[in-house]
Amino acid sequence: LVGDVSGSRTVNAVDISAVKARANP
């Protein structure tokens, strides 16, 4: 599931926030 960075089996606001918080490193 592309975009499921939290491993929760769902792509949701948590994943979006996690990626935003790490943008550019």
PDB file of all heavy atoms in Angstrom:
ATOM      1  N   LEU A   1       0.866  -1.172   0.000  1.00  0.00           N
ATOM      2  CA  LEU A   1       0.000   0.000   0.000  1.00  0.00           C
ATOM      3  C   LEU A   1       0.903   1.221   0.000  1.00  0.00           C
ATOM      4  O   LEU A   1       1.440   1.615   1.035  1.00  0.00           O
ATOM      5  CB  LEU A   1      -0.918  -0.009   1.222  1.00  0.00           C
ATOM      6  CG  LEU A   1      -1.981   1.073   1.292  1.00  0.00           C
ATOM      7  CD1 LEU A   1      -2.885   1.037   0.065  1.00  0.00           C
ATOM      8  CD2 LEU A   1      -2.813   0.930   2.552  1.00  0.00           C
ATOM      9  N   VAL A   2       1.135   1.785  -1.171  1.00  0.00           N
ATOM     10  CA  VAL A   2       2.018   2.932  -1.290  1.00  0.00           C
ATOM     11  C   VAL A   2       1.460   4.076  -0.460  1.00  0.00           C
ATOM     12  O   VAL A   2       0.283   4.391  -0.528  1.00  0.00           O
ATOM     13  CB  VAL A   2       2.167   3.356  -2.767  1.00  0.00           C
ATOM     14  CG1 VAL A   2       2.960   4.650  -2.888  1.00  0.00           C
ATOM     15  CG2 VAL A   2       2.844   2.253  -3.555  1.00  0.00           C
ATOM     16  N   GLY A   3       2.304   4.663   0.356  1.00  0.00           N
ATOM     17  CA  GLY A   3       1.901   5.782   1.193  1.00  0.00           C
ATOM     18  C   GLY A   3       1.548   5.396   2.610  1.00  0.00           C
ATOM     19  O   GLY A   3       1.330   6.258   3.443  1.00  0.00           O
ATOM     20  N   ASP A   4       1.508   4.107   2.934  1.00  0.00           N
ATOM     21  CA  ASP A   4       1.200   3.669   4.298  1.00  0.00           C
ATOM     22  C   ASP A   4       2.482   3.667   5.122  1.00  0.00           C
ATOM     23  O   ASP A   4       3.033   2.630   5.443  1.00  0.00           O
ATOM     24  CB  ASP A   4       0.568   2.275   4.274  1.00  0.00           C
ATOM     25  CG  ASP A   4       0.205   1.773   5.665  1.00  0.00           C
ATOM     26  OD1 ASP A   4       0.092   2.606   6.589  1.00  0.00           O
ATOM     27  OD2 ASP A   4       0.056   0.548   5.827  1.00  0.00           O
ATOM     28  N   VAL A   5       2.959   4.848   5.471  1.00  0.00           N
ATOM     29  CA  VAL A   5       4.242   4.941   6.170  1.00  0.00           C
ATOM     30  C   VAL A   5       4.153   4.518   7.630  1.00  0.00           C
ATOM     31  O   VAL A   5       5.153   4.170   8.244  1.00  0.00           O
ATOM     32  CB  VAL A   5       4.852   6.355   6.052  1.00  0.00           C
ATOM     33  CG1 VAL A   5       5.146   6.682   4.607  1.00  0.00           C
ATOM     34  CG2 VAL A   5       3.959   7.413   6.670  1.00  0.00           C
ATOM     35  N   SER A   6       2.954   4.520   8.205  1.00  0.00           N
ATOM     36  CA  SER A   6       2.804   4.118   9.602  1.00  0.00           C
ATOM     37  C   SER A   6       2.608   2.618   9.759  1.00  0.00           C
ATOM     38  O   SER A   6       2.639   2.096  10.864  1.00  0.00           O
ATOM     39  CB  SER A   6       1.615   4.852  10.245  1.00  0.00           C
ATOM     40  OG  SER A   6       0.408   4.420   9.636  1.00  0.00           O
ATOM     41  N   GLY A   7       2.383   1.915   8.645  1.00  0.00           N
ATOM     42  CA  GLY A   7       2.172   0.469   8.708  1.00  0.00           C
ATOM     43  C   GLY A   7       0.825   0.066   9.258  1.00  0.00           C
ATOM     44  O   GLY A   7       0.636  -1.052   9.729  1.00  0.00           O
ATOM     45  N   SER A   8      -0.154   0.942   9.190  1.00  0.00           N
ATOM     46  CA  SER A   8      -1.474   0.680   9.761  1.00  0.00           C
ATOM     47  C   SER A   8      -2.423  -0.012   8.784  1.00  0.00           C
ATOM     48  O   SER A   8      -3.558  -0.283   9.123  1.00  0.00           O
ATOM     49  CB  SER A   8      -2.114   1.993  10.203  1.00  0.00           C
ATOM     50  OG  SER A   8      -2.389   2.793   9.063  1.00  0.00           O
ATOM     51  N   ARG A   9      -1.977  -0.269   7.569  1.00  0.00           N
ATOM     52  CA  ARG A   9      -2.766  -0.872   6.500  1.00  0.00           C
ATOM     53  C   ARG A   9      -3.822   0.071   5.940  1.00  0.00           C
ATOM     54  O   ARG A   9      -4.713  -0.336   5.216  1.00  0.00           O
ATOM     55  CB  ARG A   9      -3.402  -2.197   6.933  1.00  0.00           C
ATOM     56  CG  ARG A   9      -2.364  -3.252   7.268  1.00  0.00           C
ATOM     57  CD  ARG A   9      -2.985  -4.459   7.900  1.00  0.00           C
ATOM     58  NE  ARG A   9      -4.084  -4.999   7.137  1.00  0.00           N
ATOM     59  CZ  ARG A   9      -4.123  -6.200   6.603  1.00  0.00           C
ATOM     60  NH1 ARG A   9      -3.103  -7.000   6.739  1.00  0.00           N
ATOM     61  NH2 ARG A   9      -5.178  -6.630   5.951  1.00  0.00           N
ATOM     62  N   THR A  10      -3.718   1.349   6.287  1.00  0.00           N
ATOM     63  CA  THR A  10      -4.609   2.376   5.769  1.00  0.00           C
ATOM     64  C   THR A  10      -3.787   3.628   5.489  1.00  0.00           C
ATOM     65  O   THR A  10      -2.903   3.968   6.272  1.00  0.00           O
ATOM     66  CB  THR A  10      -5.695   2.730   6.806  1.00  0.00           C
ATOM     67  OG1 THR A  10      -6.408   1.555   7.156  1.00  0.00           O
ATOM     68  CG2 THR A  10      -6.660   3.762   6.275  1.00  0.00           C
ATOM     69  N   VAL A  11      -4.058   4.308   4.382  1.00  0.00           N
ATOM     70  CA  VAL A  11      -3.415   5.591   4.118  1.00  0.00           C
ATOM     71  C   VAL A  11      -4.366   6.673   4.590  1.00  0.00           C
ATOM     72  O   VAL A  11      -5.483   6.784   4.111  1.00  0.00           O
ATOM     73  CB  VAL A  11      -3.088   5.760   2.623  1.00  0.00           C
ATOM     74  CG1 VAL A  11      -2.429   7.116   2.379  1.00  0.00           C
ATOM     75  CG2 VAL A  11      -2.176   4.640   2.150  1.00  0.00           C
ATOM     76  N   ASN A  12      -3.907   7.442   5.578  1.00  0.00           N
ATOM     77  CA  ASN A  12      -4.783   8.442   6.167  1.00  0.00           C
ATOM     78  C   ASN A  12      -3.992   9.677   6.570  1.00  0.00           C
ATOM     79  O   ASN A  12      -2.822   9.821   6.216  1.00  0.00           O
ATOM     80  CB  ASN A  12      -5.536   7.839   7.358  1.00  0.00           C
ATOM     81  CG  ASN A  12      -4.587   7.244   8.384  1.00  0.00           C
ATOM     82  OD1 ASN A  12      -3.459   7.685   8.532  1.00  0.00           O
ATOM     83  ND2 ASN A  12      -5.060   6.225   9.089  1.00  0.00           N
ATOM     84  N   ALA A  13      -4.615  10.562   7.339  1.00  0.00           N
ATOM     85  CA  ALA A  13      -3.987  11.817   7.741  1.00  0.00           C
ATOM     86  C   ALA A  13      -2.707  11.598   8.537  1.00  0.00           C
ATOM     87  O   ALA A  13      -1.787  12.419   8.476  1.00  0.00           O
ATOM     88  CB  ALA A  13      -4.983  12.653   8.547  1.00  0.00           C
ATOM     89  N   VAL A  14      -2.622  10.507   9.295  1.00  0.00           N
ATOM     90  CA  VAL A  14      -1.409  10.217  10.061  1.00  0.00           C
ATOM     91  C   VAL A  14      -0.223  10.051   9.116  1.00  0.00           C
ATOM     92  O   VAL A  14       0.870  10.577   9.365  1.00  0.00           O
ATOM     93  CB  VAL A  14      -1.597   8.949  10.934  1.00  0.00           C
ATOM     94  CG1 VAL A  14      -0.291   8.530  11.579  1.00  0.00           C
ATOM     95  CG2 VAL A  14      -2.679   9.191  11.979  1.00  0.00           C
ATOM     96  N   ASP A  15      -0.425   9.331   8.015  1.00  0.00           N
ATOM     97  CA  ASP A  15       0.649   9.132   7.040  1.00  0.00           C
ATOM     98  C   ASP A  15       1.034  10.452   6.372  1.00  0.00           C
ATOM     99  O   ASP A  15       2.212  10.737   6.182  1.00  0.00           O
ATOM    100  CB  ASP A  15       0.214   8.118   5.983  1.00  0.00           C
ATOM    101  CG  ASP A  15      -0.107   6.770   6.595  1.00  0.00           C
ATOM    102  OD1 ASP A  15       0.785   6.164   7.207  1.00  0.00           O
ATOM    103  OD2 ASP A  15      -1.264   6.337   6.472  1.00  0.00           O
ATOM    104  N   ILE A  16       0.034  11.230   6.022  1.00  0.00           N
ATOM    105  CA  ILE A  16       0.309  12.513   5.378  1.00  0.00           C
ATOM    106  C   ILE A  16       1.104  13.407   6.320  1.00  0.00           C
ATOM    107  O   ILE A  16       2.108  14.002   5.929  1.00  0.00           O
ATOM    108  CB  ILE A  16      -1.003  13.188   4.933  1.00  0.00           C
ATOM    109  CG1 ILE A  16      -1.653  12.363   3.812  1.00  0.00           C
ATOM    110  CG2 ILE A  16      -0.752  14.621   4.473  1.00  0.00           C
ATOM    111  CD1 ILE A  16      -3.067  12.763   3.490  1.00  0.00           C
ATOM    112  N   SER A  17       0.709  13.472   7.579  1.00  0.00           N
ATOM    113  CA  SER A  17       1.427  14.288   8.562  1.00  0.00           C
ATOM    114  C   SER A  17       2.851  13.788   8.772  1.00  0.00           C
ATOM    115  O   SER A  17       3.790  14.582   8.895  1.00  0.00           O
ATOM    116  CB  SER A  17       0.684  14.285   9.898  1.00  0.00           C
ATOM    117  OG  SER A  17      -0.569  14.902   9.756  1.00  0.00           O
ATOM    118  N   ALA A  18       3.017  12.475   8.819  1.00  0.00           N
ATOM    119  CA  ALA A  18       4.349  11.908   9.025  1.00  0.00           C
ATOM    120  C   ALA A  18       5.291  12.263   7.887  1.00  0.00           C
ATOM    121  O   ALA A  18       6.446  12.611   8.111  1.00  0.00           O
ATOM    122  CB  ALA A  18       4.267  10.391   9.178  1.00  0.00           C
ATOM    123  N   VAL A  19       4.794  12.199   6.662  1.00  0.00           N
ATOM    124  CA  VAL A  19       5.638  12.552   5.520  1.00  0.00           C
ATOM    125  C   VAL A  19       5.919  14.045   5.516  1.00  0.00           C
ATOM    126  O   VAL A  19       7.052  14.472   5.306  1.00  0.00           O
ATOM    127  CB  VAL A  19       4.992  12.091   4.196  1.00  0.00           C
ATOM    128  CG1 VAL A  19       5.794  12.594   3.001  1.00  0.00           C
ATOM    129  CG2 VAL A  19       4.918  10.576   4.148  1.00  0.00           C
ATOM    130  N   LYS A  20       4.914  14.873   5.780  1.00  0.00           N
ATOM    131  CA  LYS A  20       5.124  16.319   5.820  1.00  0.00           C
ATOM    132  C   LYS A  20       6.168  16.696   6.868  1.00  0.00           C
ATOM    133  O   LYS A  20       7.012  17.552   6.645  1.00  0.00           O
ATOM    134  CB  LYS A  20       3.813  17.044   6.144  1.00  0.00           C
ATOM    135  CG  LYS A  20       2.902  17.229   4.967  1.00  0.00           C
ATOM    136  CD  LYS A  20       1.693  18.059   5.397  1.00  0.00           C
ATOM    137  CE  LYS A  20       0.788  18.349   4.240  1.00  0.00           C
ATOM    138  NZ  LYS A  20      -0.402  19.110   4.640  1.00  0.00           N
ATOM    139  N   ALA A  21       6.103  16.053   8.031  1.00  0.00           N
ATOM    140  CA  ALA A  21       7.027  16.373   9.118  1.00  0.00           C
ATOM    141  C   ALA A  21       8.467  16.034   8.758  1.00  0.00           C
ATOM    142  O   ALA A  21       9.405  16.565   9.348  1.00  0.00           O
ATOM    143  CB  ALA A  21       6.622  15.624  10.387  1.00  0.00           C
ATOM    144  N   ARG A  22       8.647  15.138   7.803  1.00  0.00           N
ATOM    145  CA  ARG A  22       9.993  14.717   7.425  1.00  0.00           C
ATOM    146  C   ARG A  22      10.404  15.247   6.053  1.00  0.00           C
ATOM    147  O   ARG A  22      11.383  14.791   5.491  1.00  0.00           O
ATOM    148  CB  ARG A  22      10.057  13.192   7.441  1.00  0.00           C
ATOM    149  CG  ARG A  22       9.975  12.637   8.838  1.00  0.00           C
ATOM    150  CD  ARG A  22       9.696  11.146   8.831  1.00  0.00           C
ATOM    151  NE  ARG A  22       9.712  10.595  10.171  1.00  0.00           N
ATOM    152  CZ  ARG A  22       8.710  10.658  11.025  1.00  0.00           C
ATOM    153  NH1 ARG A  22       7.592  11.270  10.695  1.00  0.00           N
ATOM    154  NH2 ARG A  22       8.809  10.126  12.224  1.00  0.00           N
ATOM    155  N   ALA A  23       9.645  16.189   5.522  1.00  0.00           N
ATOM    156  CA  ALA A  23       9.928  16.682   4.174  1.00  0.00           C
ATOM    157  C   ALA A  23      11.321  17.296   4.092  1.00  0.00           C
ATOM    158  O   ALA A  23      11.735  18.070   4.953  1.00  0.00           O
ATOM    159  CB  ALA A  23       8.877  17.702   3.755  1.00  0.00           C
ATOM    160  N   ASN A  24      12.044  16.880   3.070  1.00  0.00           N
ATOM    161  CA  ASN A  24      13.360  17.362   2.671  1.00  0.00           C
ATOM    162  C   ASN A  24      14.569  16.756   3.378  1.00  0.00           C
ATOM    163  O   ASN A  24      15.683  17.055   2.984  1.00  0.00           O
ATOM    164  CB  ASN A  24      13.448  18.881   2.710  1.00  0.00           C
ATOM    165  CG  ASN A  24      12.552  19.501   1.669  1.00  0.00           C
ATOM    166  OD1 ASN A  24      12.479  19.013   0.547  1.00  0.00           O
ATOM    167  ND2 ASN A  24      11.854  20.554   2.024  1.00  0.00           N
ATOM    168  N   PRO A  25      14.456  15.881   4.375  1.00  0.00           N
ATOM    169  CA  PRO A  25      15.701  15.309   4.913  1.00  0.00           C
ATOM    170  C   PRO A  25      16.251  14.232   3.983  1.00  0.00           C
ATOM    171  O   PRO A  25      15.551  13.716   3.116  1.00  0.00           O
ATOM    172  CB  PRO A  25      15.265  14.687   6.237  1.00  0.00           C
ATOM    173  CG  PRO A  25      13.844  14.323   6.022  1.00  0.00           C
ATOM    174  CD  PRO A  25      13.292  15.408   5.126  1.00  0.00           C
TER     175      PRO A  25
END
